[in-house]
PDB file of N, CA and C in Angstrom:
ATOM      1  N   GLY A   1      75.149  81.803  95.489  1.00  0.00           N
ATOM      2  CA  GLY A   1      73.952  81.493  96.218  1.00  0.00           C
ATOM      3  C   GLY A   1      72.713  81.805  95.405  1.00  0.00           C
ATOM      4  N   PRO A   2      71.575  81.733  96.020  1.00  0.00           N
ATOM      5  CA  PRO A   2      70.307  81.923  95.310  1.00  0.00           C
ATOM      6  C   PRO A   2      69.994  83.382  94.966  1.00  0.00           C
ATOM      7  N   GLN A   3      70.761  84.320  95.473  1.00  0.00           N
ATOM      8  CA  GLN A   3      70.580  85.745  95.162  1.00  0.00           C
ATOM      9  C   GLN A   3      69.148  86.213  95.439  1.00  0.00           C
ATOM     10  N   LYS A   4      68.641  85.852  96.595  1.00  0.00           N
ATOM     11  CA  LYS A   4      67.259  86.180  96.968  1.00  0.00           C
ATOM     12  C   LYS A   4      67.013  87.682  97.052  1.00  0.00           C
ATOM     13  N   LEU A   5      67.988  88.441  97.534  1.00  0.00           N
ATOM     14  CA  LEU A   5      67.791  89.891  97.643  1.00  0.00           C
ATOM     15  C   LEU A   5      67.598  90.524  96.273  1.00  0.00           C
ATOM     16  N   ILE A   6      68.310  90.015  95.284  1.00  0.00           N
ATOM     17  CA  ILE A   6      68.153  90.522  93.917  1.00  0.00           C
ATOM     18  C   ILE A   6      66.823  90.046  93.344  1.00  0.00           C
ATOM     19  N   ALA A   7      66.537  88.753  93.505  1.00  0.00           N
ATOM     20  CA  ALA A   7      65.299  88.179  92.968  1.00  0.00           C
ATOM     21  C   ALA A   7      64.061  88.850  93.552  1.00  0.00           C
ATOM     22  N   ASN A   8      64.123  89.243  94.817  1.00  0.00           N
ATOM     23  CA  ASN A   8      62.977  89.884  95.477  1.00  0.00           C
ATOM     24  C   ASN A   8      62.947  91.396  95.278  1.00  0.00           C
ATOM     25  N   GLY A   9      63.886  91.926  94.505  1.00  0.00           N
ATOM     26  CA  GLY A   9      63.899  93.351  94.208  1.00  0.00           C
ATOM     27  C   GLY A   9      64.393  94.232  95.337  1.00  0.00           C
ATOM     28  N   LEU A  10      65.007  93.643  96.353  1.00  0.00           N
ATOM     29  CA  LEU A  10      65.507  94.427  97.485  1.00  0.00           C
ATOM     30  C   LEU A  10      66.886  95.022  97.209  1.00  0.00           C
ATOM     31  N   LEU A  11      67.591  94.439  96.256  1.00  0.00           N
ATOM     32  CA  LEU A  11      68.919  94.900  95.879  1.00  0.00           C
ATOM     33  C   LEU A  11      68.965  94.973  94.356  1.00  0.00           C
ATOM     34  N   PRO A  12      69.257  96.146  93.806  1.00  0.00           N
ATOM     35  CA  PRO A  12      69.266  96.275  92.341  1.00  0.00           C
ATOM     36  C   PRO A  12      70.356  95.409  91.703  1.00  0.00           C
ATOM     37  N   ALA A  13      69.972  94.619  90.717  1.00  0.00           N
ATOM     38  CA  ALA A  13      70.916  93.731  90.033  1.00  0.00           C
ATOM     39  C   ALA A  13      72.079  94.512  89.440  1.00  0.00           C
ATOM     40  N   GLU A  14      71.803  95.681  88.872  1.00  0.00           N
ATOM     41  CA  GLU A  14      72.881  96.452  88.242  1.00  0.00           C
ATOM     42  C   GLU A  14      73.906  96.930  89.269  1.00  0.00           C
ATOM     43  N   LEU A  15      73.476  97.115  90.509  1.00  0.00           N
ATOM     44  CA  LEU A  15      74.396  97.520  91.563  1.00  0.00           C
ATOM     45  C   LEU A  15      75.378  96.390  91.875  1.00  0.00           C
ATOM     46  N   VAL A  16      74.884  95.176  91.905  1.00  0.00           N
ATOM     47  CA  VAL A  16      75.725  94.019  92.211  1.00  0.00           C
ATOM     48  C   VAL A  16      76.579  93.631  91.011  1.00  0.00           C
ATOM     49  N   PHE A  17      75.925  93.343  89.903  1.00  0.00           N
ATOM     50  CA  PHE A  17      76.637  92.822  88.734  1.00  0.00           C
ATOM     51  C   PHE A  17      77.507  93.875  88.056  1.00  0.00           C
ATOM     52  N   GLY A  18      77.218  95.142  88.275  1.00  0.00           N
ATOM     53  CA  GLY A  18      78.009  96.210  87.684  1.00  0.00           C
ATOM     54  C   GLY A  18      79.194  96.641  88.522  1.00  0.00           C
ATOM     55  N   HIS A  19      79.324  96.099  89.734  1.00  0.00           N
ATOM     56  CA  HIS A  19      80.417  96.476  90.622  1.00  0.00           C
ATOM     57  C   HIS A  19      81.736  95.902  90.112  1.00  0.00           C
ATOM     58  N   ASN A  20      82.791  96.710  90.192  1.00  0.00           N
ATOM     59  CA  ASN A  20      84.111  96.284  89.705  1.00  0.00           C
ATOM     60  C   ASN A  20      84.636  95.029  90.397  1.00  0.00           C
ATOM     61  N   ASN A  21      84.251  94.820  91.646  1.00  0.00           N
ATOM     62  CA  ASN A  21      84.761  93.673  92.394  1.00  0.00           C
ATOM     63  C   ASN A  21      83.851  92.454  92.344  1.00  0.00           C
ATOM     64  N   PHE A  22      82.790  92.514  91.551  1.00  0.00           N
ATOM     65  CA  PHE A  22      81.931  91.338  91.417  1.00  0.00           C
ATOM     66  C   PHE A  22      82.715  90.245  90.697  1.00  0.00           C
ATOM     67  N   LEU A  23      82.718  89.058  91.244  1.00  0.00           N
ATOM     68  CA  LEU A  23      83.525  87.961  90.707  1.00  0.00           C
ATOM     69  C   LEU A  23      82.670  87.041  89.835  1.00  0.00           C
ATOM     70  N   TRP A  24      82.609  87.354  88.563  1.00  0.00           N
ATOM     71  CA  TRP A  24      81.817  86.553  87.625  1.00  0.00           C
ATOM     72  C   TRP A  24      82.223  85.079  87.619  1.00  0.00           C
ATOM     73  N   PRO A  25      83.520  84.746  87.724  1.00  0.00           N
ATOM     74  CA  PRO A  25      83.888  83.321  87.703  1.00  0.00           C
ATOM     75  C   PRO A  25      83.309  82.522  88.873  1.00  0.00           C
ATOM     76  N   CYS A  26      82.844  83.209  89.907  1.00  0.00           N
ATOM     77  CA  CYS A  26      82.287  82.512  91.067  1.00  0.00           C
ATOM     78  C   CYS A  26      80.798  82.204  90.910  1.00  0.00           C
ATOM     79  N   GLN A  27      80.190  82.665  89.846  1.00  0.00           N
ATOM     80  CA  GLN A  27      78.777  82.378  89.606  1.00  0.00           C
ATOM     81  C   GLN A  27      78.589  80.867  89.502  1.00  0.00           C
ATOM     82  N   GLY A  28      77.675  80.333  90.276  1.00  0.00           N
ATOM     83  CA  GLY A  28      77.373  78.907  90.229  1.00  0.00           C
ATOM     84  C   GLY A  28      78.313  78.025  91.026  1.00  0.00           C
ATOM     85  N   VAL A  29      79.303  78.613  91.674  1.00  0.00           N
ATOM     86  CA  VAL A  29      80.237  77.824  92.474  1.00  0.00           C
ATOM     87  C   VAL A  29      79.526  77.325  93.720  1.00  0.00           C
ATOM     88  N   LYS A  30      79.739  76.078  94.061  1.00  0.00           N
ATOM     89  CA  LYS A  30      79.153  75.486  95.266  1.00  0.00           C
ATOM     90  C   LYS A  30      80.291  75.276  96.264  1.00  0.00           C
ATOM     91  N   PRO A  31      80.365  76.103  97.303  1.00  0.00           N
ATOM     92  CA  PRO A  31      81.475  75.980  98.257  1.00  0.00           C
ATOM     93  C   PRO A  31      81.291  74.779  99.185  1.00  0.00           C
ATOM     94  N   PRO A  32      82.396  74.293  99.764  1.00  0.00           N
ATOM     95  CA  PRO A  32      82.299  73.195 100.722  1.00  0.00           C
ATOM     96  C   PRO A  32      81.380  73.567 101.884  1.00  0.00           C
ATOM     97  N   GLU A  33      80.575  72.627 102.300  1.00  0.00           N
ATOM     98  CA  GLU A  33      79.668  72.792 103.446  1.00  0.00           C
ATOM     99  C   GLU A  33      78.706  73.964 103.268  1.00  0.00           C
ATOM    100  N   ASP A  34      78.503  74.401 102.033  1.00  0.00           N
ATOM    101  CA  ASP A  34      77.606  75.525 101.727  1.00  0.00           C
ATOM    102  C   ASP A  34      77.959  76.800 102.486  1.00  0.00           C
ATOM    103  N   THR A  35      79.227  76.979 102.808  1.00  0.00           N
ATOM    104  CA  THR A  35      79.675  78.184 103.500  1.00  0.00           C
ATOM    105  C   THR A  35      80.206  79.165 102.468  1.00  0.00           C
ATOM    106  N   PHE A  36      79.406  80.192 102.178  1.00  0.00           N
ATOM    107  CA  PHE A  36      79.803  81.184 101.195  1.00  0.00           C
ATOM    108  C   PHE A  36      80.659  82.286 101.808  1.00  0.00           C
ATOM    109  N   LEU A  37      80.475  82.538 103.073  1.00  0.00           N
ATOM    110  CA  LEU A  37      81.142  83.667 103.705  1.00  0.00           C
ATOM    111  C   LEU A  37      81.684  83.235 105.064  1.00  0.00           C
ATOM    112  N   HIS A  38      82.996  83.304 105.216  1.00  0.00           N
ATOM    113  CA  HIS A  38      83.628  82.901 106.477  1.00  0.00           C
ATOM    114  C   HIS A  38      83.747  84.063 107.452  1.00  0.00           C
ATOM    115  N   MET A  39      83.985  85.239 106.918  1.00  0.00           N
ATOM    116  CA  MET A  39      84.222  86.404 107.766  1.00  0.00           C
ATOM    117  C   MET A  39      83.377  87.570 107.274  1.00  0.00           C
ATOM    118  N   TYR A  40      82.868  88.328 108.222  1.00  0.00           N
ATOM    119  CA  TYR A  40      82.155  89.549 107.874  1.00  0.00           C
ATOM    120  C   TYR A  40      82.427  90.559 108.976  1.00  0.00           C
ATOM    121  N   ALA A  41      82.935  91.708 108.599  1.00  0.00           N
ATOM    122  CA  ALA A  41      83.242  92.756 109.571  1.00  0.00           C
ATOM    123  C   ALA A  41      82.500  94.028 109.195  1.00  0.00           C
ATOM    124  N   VAL A  42      82.031  94.733 110.201  1.00  0.00           N
ATOM    125  CA  VAL A  42      81.273  95.964 109.991  1.00  0.00           C
ATOM    126  C   VAL A  42      81.892  97.079 110.822  1.00  0.00           C
ATOM    127  N   ASP A  43      82.059  98.240 110.212  1.00  0.00           N
ATOM    128  CA  ASP A  43      82.444  99.442 110.951  1.00  0.00           C
ATOM    129  C   ASP A  43      81.160 100.185 111.283  1.00  0.00           C
ATOM    130  N   LEU A  44      80.967 100.459 112.555  1.00  0.00           N
ATOM    131  CA  LEU A  44      79.759 101.140 113.015  1.00  0.00           C
ATOM    132  C   LEU A  44      80.084 102.528 113.537  1.00  0.00           C
ATOM    133  N   ALA A  45      79.134 103.424 113.367  1.00  0.00           N
ATOM    134  CA  ALA A  45      79.243 104.770 113.936  1.00  0.00           C
ATOM    135  C   ALA A  45      77.910 105.100 114.589  1.00  0.00           C
ATOM    136  N   ARG A  46      77.981 105.780 115.705  1.00  0.00           N
ATOM    137  CA  ARG A  46      76.756 106.176 116.403  1.00  0.00           C
ATOM    138  C   ARG A  46      76.491 107.644 116.116  1.00  0.00           C
ATOM    139  N   THR A  47      75.273 107.941 115.703  1.00  0.00           N
ATOM    140  CA  THR A  47      74.895 109.315 115.393  1.00  0.00           C
ATOM    141  C   THR A  47      74.581 110.060 116.689  1.00  0.00           C
ATOM    142  N   PRO A  48      74.560 111.382 116.655  1.00  0.00           N
ATOM    143  CA  PRO A  48      74.255 112.149 117.868  1.00  0.00           C
ATOM    144  C   PRO A  48      72.909 111.776 118.500  1.00  0.00           C
ATOM    145  N   ASP A  49      71.963 111.306 117.677  1.00  0.00           N
ATOM    146  CA  ASP A  49      70.658 110.928 118.242  1.00  0.00           C
ATOM    147  C   ASP A  49      70.618 109.471 118.703  1.00  0.00           C
ATOM    148  N   GLY A  50      71.770 108.783 118.694  1.00  0.00           N
ATOM    149  CA  GLY A  50      71.859 107.437 119.248  1.00  0.00           C
ATOM    150  C   GLY A  50      71.656 106.302 118.254  1.00  0.00           C
ATOM    151  N   ARG A  51      71.378 106.617 117.002  1.00  0.00           N
ATOM    152  CA  ARG A  51      71.201 105.555 116.005  1.00  0.00           C
ATOM    153  C   ARG A  51      72.563 105.047 115.536  1.00  0.00           C
ATOM    154  N   TRP A  52      72.595 103.791 115.116  1.00  0.00           N
ATOM    155  CA  TRP A  52      73.815 103.185 114.601  1.00  0.00           C
ATOM    156  C   TRP A  52      73.776 103.167 113.085  1.00  0.00           C
ATOM    157  N   TRP A  53      74.911 103.468 112.463  1.00  0.00           N
ATOM    158  CA  TRP A  53      75.042 103.440 111.012  1.00  0.00           C
ATOM    159  C   TRP A  53      76.217 102.543 110.643  1.00  0.00           C
ATOM    160  N   VAL A  54      76.047 101.752 109.602  1.00  0.00           N
ATOM    161  CA  VAL A  54      77.152 100.978 109.049  1.00  0.00           C
ATOM    162  C   VAL A  54      77.907 101.905 108.109  1.00  0.00           C
ATOM    163  N   THR A  55      79.177 102.128 108.393  1.00  0.00           N
ATOM    164  CA  THR A  55      79.974 103.030 107.554  1.00  0.00           C
ATOM    165  C   THR A  55      80.855 102.275 106.566  1.00  0.00           C
ATOM    166  N   ALA A  56      81.113 101.009 106.837  1.00  0.00           N
ATOM    167  CA  ALA A  56      81.904 100.182 105.924  1.00  0.00           C
ATOM    168  C   ALA A  56      81.714  98.726 106.315  1.00  0.00           C
ATOM    169  N   ASP A  57      81.958  97.852 105.376  1.00  0.00           N
ATOM    170  CA  ASP A  57      81.967  96.433 105.704  1.00  0.00           C
ATOM    171  C   ASP A  57      83.037  95.733 104.880  1.00  0.00           C
ATOM    172  N   ARG A  58      83.482  94.611 105.415  1.00  0.00           N
ATOM    173  CA  ARG A  58      84.559  93.863 104.775  1.00  0.00           C
ATOM    174  C   ARG A  58      84.254  92.373 104.842  1.00  0.00           C
ATOM    175  N   THR A  59      84.630  91.691 103.774  1.00  0.00           N
ATOM    176  CA  THR A  59      84.433  90.245 103.743  1.00  0.00           C
ATOM    177  C   THR A  59      85.680  89.496 103.294  1.00  0.00           C
ATOM    178  N   GLN A  60      86.732  90.193 102.943  1.00  0.00           N
ATOM    179  CA  GLN A  60      87.877  89.527 102.331  1.00  0.00           C
ATOM    180  C   GLN A  60      88.986  89.135 103.301  1.00  0.00           C
ATOM    181  N   ALA A  61      89.066  89.759 104.454  1.00  0.00           N
ATOM    182  CA  ALA A  61      90.146  89.446 105.389  1.00  0.00           C
ATOM    183  C   ALA A  61      89.689  89.736 106.815  1.00  0.00           C
ATOM    184  N   PRO A  62      90.142  88.910 107.754  1.00  0.00           N
ATOM    185  CA  PRO A  62      89.738  89.107 109.152  1.00  0.00           C
ATOM    186  C   PRO A  62      90.605  90.113 109.887  1.00  0.00           C
ATOM    187  N   SER A  63      90.827  91.285 109.302  1.00  0.00           N
ATOM    188  CA  SER A  63      91.731  92.256 109.922  1.00  0.00           C
ATOM    189  C   SER A  63      91.233  92.702 111.294  1.00  0.00           C
ATOM    190  N   GLY A  64      89.943  92.835 111.469  1.00  0.00           N
ATOM    191  CA  GLY A  64      89.406  93.258 112.759  1.00  0.00           C
ATOM    192  C   GLY A  64      89.745  92.288 113.872  1.00  0.00           C
ATOM    193  N   ALA A  65      89.768  90.996 113.564  1.00  0.00           N
ATOM    194  CA  ALA A  65      90.130  89.995 114.568  1.00  0.00           C
ATOM    195  C   ALA A  65      91.584  90.180 114.986  1.00  0.00           C
ATOM    196  N   GLY A  66      92.425  90.517 114.033  1.00  0.00           N
ATOM    197  CA  GLY A  66      93.828  90.783 114.352  1.00  0.00           C
ATOM    198  C   GLY A  66      93.987  92.015 115.223  1.00  0.00           C
ATOM    199  N   TYR A  67      93.199  93.052 114.928  1.00  0.00           N
ATOM    200  CA  TYR A  67      93.239  94.265 115.755  1.00  0.00           C
ATOM    201  C   TYR A  67      92.788  93.953 117.181  1.00  0.00           C
ATOM    202  N   ALA A  68      91.748  93.152 117.320  1.00  0.00           N
ATOM    203  CA  ALA A  68      91.259  92.794 118.657  1.00  0.00           C
ATOM    204  C   ALA A  68      92.335  92.042 119.439  1.00  0.00           C
ATOM    205  N   LEU A  69      93.012  91.129 118.775  1.00  0.00           N
ATOM    206  CA  LEU A  69      94.076  90.370 119.429  1.00  0.00           C
ATOM    207  C   LEU A  69      95.221  91.288 119.849  1.00  0.00           C
ATOM    208  N   GLU A  70      95.639  92.161 118.951  1.00  0.00           N
ATOM    209  CA  GLU A  70      96.732  93.091 119.256  1.00  0.00           C
ATOM    210  C   GLU A  70      96.353  94.034 120.397  1.00  0.00           C
ATOM    211  N   ASN A  71      95.124  94.532 120.391  1.00  0.00           N
ATOM    212  CA  ASN A  71      94.669  95.421 121.470  1.00  0.00           C
ATOM    213  C   ASN A  71      94.697  94.708 122.812  1.00  0.00           C
ATOM    214  N   ARG A  72      94.253  93.464 122.846  1.00  0.00           N
ATOM    215  CA  ARG A  72      94.273  92.709 124.096  1.00  0.00           C
ATOM    216  C   ARG A  72      95.708  92.524 124.590  1.00  0.00           C
ATOM    217  N   GLN A  73      96.610  92.202 123.676  1.00  0.00           N
ATOM    218  CA  GLN A  73      98.007  92.005 124.068  1.00  0.00           C
ATOM    219  C   GLN A  73      98.623  93.306 124.580  1.00  0.00           C
ATOM    220  N   SER A  74      98.325  94.408 123.923  1.00  0.00           N
ATOM    221  CA  SER A  74      98.871  95.707 124.340  1.00  0.00           C
ATOM    222  C   SER A  74      98.357  96.111 125.714  1.00  0.00           C
ATOM    223  N   VAL A  75      97.058  95.967 125.927  1.00  0.00           N
ATOM    224  CA  VAL A  75      96.467  96.335 127.219  1.00  0.00           C
ATOM    225  C   VAL A  75      96.985  95.409 128.315  1.00  0.00           C
ATOM    226  N   ALA A  76      97.123  94.127 128.019  1.00  0.00           N
ATOM    227  CA  ALA A  76      97.627  93.178 129.016  1.00  0.00           C
ATOM    228  C   ALA A  76      99.045  93.538 129.451  1.00  0.00           C
ATOM    229  N   ARG A  77      99.859  94.028 128.517  1.00  0.00           N
ATOM    230  CA  ARG A  77     101.231  94.438 128.865  1.00  0.00           C
ATOM    231  C   ARG A  77     101.246  95.767 129.616  1.00  0.00           C
ATOM    232  N   ALA A  78     100.425  96.704 129.180  1.00  0.00           N
ATOM    233  CA  ALA A  78     100.443  98.048 129.771  1.00  0.00           C
ATOM    234  C   ALA A  78      99.728  98.105 131.118  1.00  0.00           C
ATOM    235  N   LEU A  79      98.643  97.368 131.244  1.00  0.00           N
ATOM    236  CA  LEU A  79      97.823  97.405 132.463  1.00  0.00           C
ATOM    237  C   LEU A  79      97.501  95.984 132.922  1.00  0.00           C
ATOM    238  N   PRO A  80      98.491  95.221 133.347  1.00  0.00           N
ATOM    239  CA  PRO A  80      98.260  93.806 133.647  1.00  0.00           C
ATOM    240  C   PRO A  80      97.223  93.550 134.741  1.00  0.00           C
ATOM    241  N   GLU A  81      97.229  94.366 135.795  1.00  0.00           N
ATOM    242  CA  GLU A  81      96.264  94.144 136.877  1.00  0.00           C
ATOM    243  C   GLU A  81      94.837  94.421 136.403  1.00  0.00           C
ATOM    244  N   THR A  82      94.668  95.522 135.718  1.00  0.00           N
ATOM    245  CA  THR A  82      93.343  95.881 135.204  1.00  0.00           C
ATOM    246  C   THR A  82      92.851  94.826 134.225  1.00  0.00           C
ATOM    247  N   TYR A  83      93.721  94.404 133.342  1.00  0.00           N
ATOM    248  CA  TYR A  83      93.351  93.393 132.347  1.00  0.00           C
ATOM    249  C   TYR A  83      92.913  92.105 133.044  1.00  0.00           C
ATOM    250  N   ARG A  84      93.668  91.687 134.038  1.00  0.00           N
ATOM    251  CA  ARG A  84      93.335  90.470 134.784  1.00  0.00           C
ATOM    252  C   ARG A  84      92.008  90.637 135.522  1.00  0.00           C
ATOM    253  N   ASP A  85      91.796  91.790 136.147  1.00  0.00           N
ATOM    254  CA  ASP A  85      90.564  92.035 136.903  1.00  0.00           C
ATOM    255  C   ASP A  85      89.321  92.049 136.015  1.00  0.00           C
ATOM    256  N   LEU A  86      89.481  92.478 134.771  1.00  0.00           N
ATOM    257  CA  LEU A  86      88.337  92.550 133.856  1.00  0.00           C
ATOM    258  C   LEU A  86      87.942  91.189 133.295  1.00  0.00           C
ATOM    259  N   GLN A  87      88.773  90.195 133.489  1.00  0.00           N
ATOM    260  CA  GLN A  87      88.509  88.837 132.998  1.00  0.00           C
ATOM    261  C   GLN A  87      88.140  88.841 131.510  1.00  0.00           C
ATOM    262  N   VAL A  88      88.987  89.467 130.729  1.00  0.00           N
ATOM    263  CA  VAL A  88      88.783  89.559 129.282  1.00  0.00           C
ATOM    264  C   VAL A  88      88.851  88.161 128.681  1.00  0.00           C
ATOM    265  N   ARG A  89      87.918  87.863 127.825  1.00  0.00           N
ATOM    266  CA  ARG A  89      87.888  86.543 127.185  1.00  0.00           C
ATOM    267  C   ARG A  89      89.044  86.398 126.203  1.00  0.00           C
ATOM    268  N   HIS A  90      89.584  85.208 126.154  1.00  0.00           N
ATOM    269  CA  HIS A  90      90.662  84.909 125.215  1.00  0.00           C
ATOM    270  C   HIS A  90      90.082  84.692 123.821  1.00  0.00           C
ATOM    271  N   LEU A  91      90.860  85.022 122.813  1.00  0.00           N
ATOM    272  CA  LEU A  91      90.425  84.873 121.424  1.00  0.00           C
ATOM    273  C   LEU A  91      90.930  83.584 120.788  1.00  0.00           C
ATOM    274  N   SER A  92      91.684  82.799 121.521  1.00  0.00           N
ATOM    275  CA  SER A  92      92.279  81.600 120.926  1.00  0.00           C
ATOM    276  C   SER A  92      91.218  80.642 120.388  1.00  0.00           C
ATOM    277  N   GLY A  93      90.088  80.523 121.056  1.00  0.00           N
ATOM    278  CA  GLY A  93      89.020  79.644 120.568  1.00  0.00           C
ATOM    279  C   GLY A  93      88.513  80.066 119.203  1.00  0.00           C
ATOM    280  N   PHE A  94      88.363  81.366 119.014  1.00  0.00           N
ATOM    281  CA  PHE A  94      87.915  81.889 117.721  1.00  0.00           C
ATOM    282  C   PHE A  94      88.928  81.563 116.635  1.00  0.00           C
ATOM    283  N   PHE A  95      90.207  81.864 116.902  1.00  0.00           N
ATOM    284  CA  PHE A  95      91.236  81.633 115.893  1.00  0.00           C
ATOM    285  C   PHE A  95      91.425  80.141 115.614  1.00  0.00           C
ATOM    286  N   ASP A  96      91.316  79.301 116.644  1.00  0.00           N
ATOM    287  CA  ASP A  96      91.408  77.854 116.432  1.00  0.00           C
ATOM    288  C   ASP A  96      90.268  77.364 115.542  1.00  0.00           C
ATOM    289  N   ALA A  97      89.048  77.817 115.829  1.00  0.00           N
ATOM    290  CA  ALA A  97      87.890  77.400 115.029  1.00  0.00           C
ATOM    291  C   ALA A  97      88.010  77.883 113.588  1.00  0.00           C
ATOM    292  N   LEU A  98      88.472  79.110 113.397  1.00  0.00           N
ATOM    293  CA  LEU A  98      88.652  79.637 112.046  1.00  0.00           C
ATOM    294  C   LEU A  98      89.691  78.812 111.289  1.00  0.00           C
ATOM    295  N   GLN A  99      90.806  78.524 111.932  1.00  0.00           N
ATOM    296  CA  GLN A  99      91.856  77.743 111.281  1.00  0.00           C
ATOM    297  C   GLN A  99      91.347  76.349 110.911  1.00  0.00           C
ATOM    298  N   GLN A 100      90.633  75.702 111.812  1.00  0.00           N
ATOM    299  CA  GLN A 100      90.105  74.365 111.538  1.00  0.00           C
ATOM    300  C   GLN A 100      89.097  74.389 110.389  1.00  0.00           C
ATOM    301  N   THR A 101      88.235  75.386 110.373  1.00  0.00           N
ATOM    302  CA  THR A 101      87.236  75.494 109.309  1.00  0.00           C
ATOM    303  C   THR A 101      87.898  75.707 107.961  1.00  0.00           C
ATOM    304  N   LEU A 102      88.846  76.628 107.895  1.00  0.00           N
ATOM    305  CA  LEU A 102      89.527  76.898 106.628  1.00  0.00           C
ATOM    306  C   LEU A 102      90.325  75.685 106.155  1.00  0.00           C
ATOM    307  N   ALA A 103      90.982  74.995 107.076  1.00  0.00           N
ATOM    308  CA  ALA A 103      91.744  73.798 106.702  1.00  0.00           C
ATOM    309  C   ALA A 103      90.814  72.702 106.195  1.00  0.00           C
ATOM    310  N   ARG A 104      89.683  72.525 106.860  1.00  0.00           N
ATOM    311  CA  ARG A 104      88.715  71.499 106.465  1.00  0.00           C
ATOM    312  C   ARG A 104      88.125  71.786 105.086  1.00  0.00           C
ATOM    313  N   GLN A 105      87.919  73.052 104.777  1.00  0.00           N
ATOM    314  CA  GLN A 105      87.264  73.413 103.523  1.00  0.00           C
ATOM    315  C   GLN A 105      88.233  73.733 102.391  1.00  0.00           C
ATOM    316  N   ALA A 106      89.522  73.736 102.675  1.00  0.00           N
ATOM    317  CA  ALA A 106      90.510  74.029 101.631  1.00  0.00           C
ATOM    318  C   ALA A 106      90.587  72.864 100.652  1.00  0.00           C
ATOM    319  N   PRO A 107      90.820  73.176  99.387  1.00  0.00           N
ATOM    320  CA  PRO A 107      90.970  72.090  98.416  1.00  0.00           C
ATOM    321  C   PRO A 107      92.199  71.244  98.733  1.00  0.00           C
ATOM    322  N   THR A 108      92.113  69.972  98.421  1.00  0.00           N
ATOM    323  CA  THR A 108      93.275  69.107  98.609  1.00  0.00           C
ATOM    324  C   THR A 108      94.246  69.348  97.463  1.00  0.00           C
ATOM    325  N   SER A 109      95.426  68.821  97.580  1.00  0.00           N
ATOM    326  CA  SER A 109      96.429  69.034  96.529  1.00  0.00           C
ATOM    327  C   SER A 109      96.017  68.384  95.211  1.00  0.00           C
ATOM    328  N   ASN A 110      95.058  67.467  95.248  1.00  0.00           N
ATOM    329  CA  ASN A 110      94.589  66.799  94.029  1.00  0.00           C
ATOM    330  C   ASN A 110      93.548  67.608  93.272  1.00  0.00           C
ATOM    331  N   GLU A 111      92.999  68.640  93.903  1.00  0.00           N
ATOM    332  CA  GLU A 111      91.908  69.388  93.266  1.00  0.00           C
ATOM    333  C   GLU A 111      92.438  70.528  92.437  1.00  0.00           C
TER     334      GLU A 111
END
């Protein structure tokens, strides 16, 4: 991407480019539909004074979505009446949309 945070001095270039996981081969890559990031997960913690802090973030795998699905399935089995009464939203729409997006943007066998 345009690396605006680096260009504007908000993020030190040496912090980004010096990181072991920085992917130099991806420099200048133009992804399908200009989608650079499909998933972003944040671990949050609340401080005693009520402020929120980001303690970790992930962009490589949708593990949190899997945890949410597993938690819903576990609660539905353990407490079926409560689960039904709470009208918990289904996650199938999210997973369907993710699958369709990834399939649409995946390279064809000719690429």
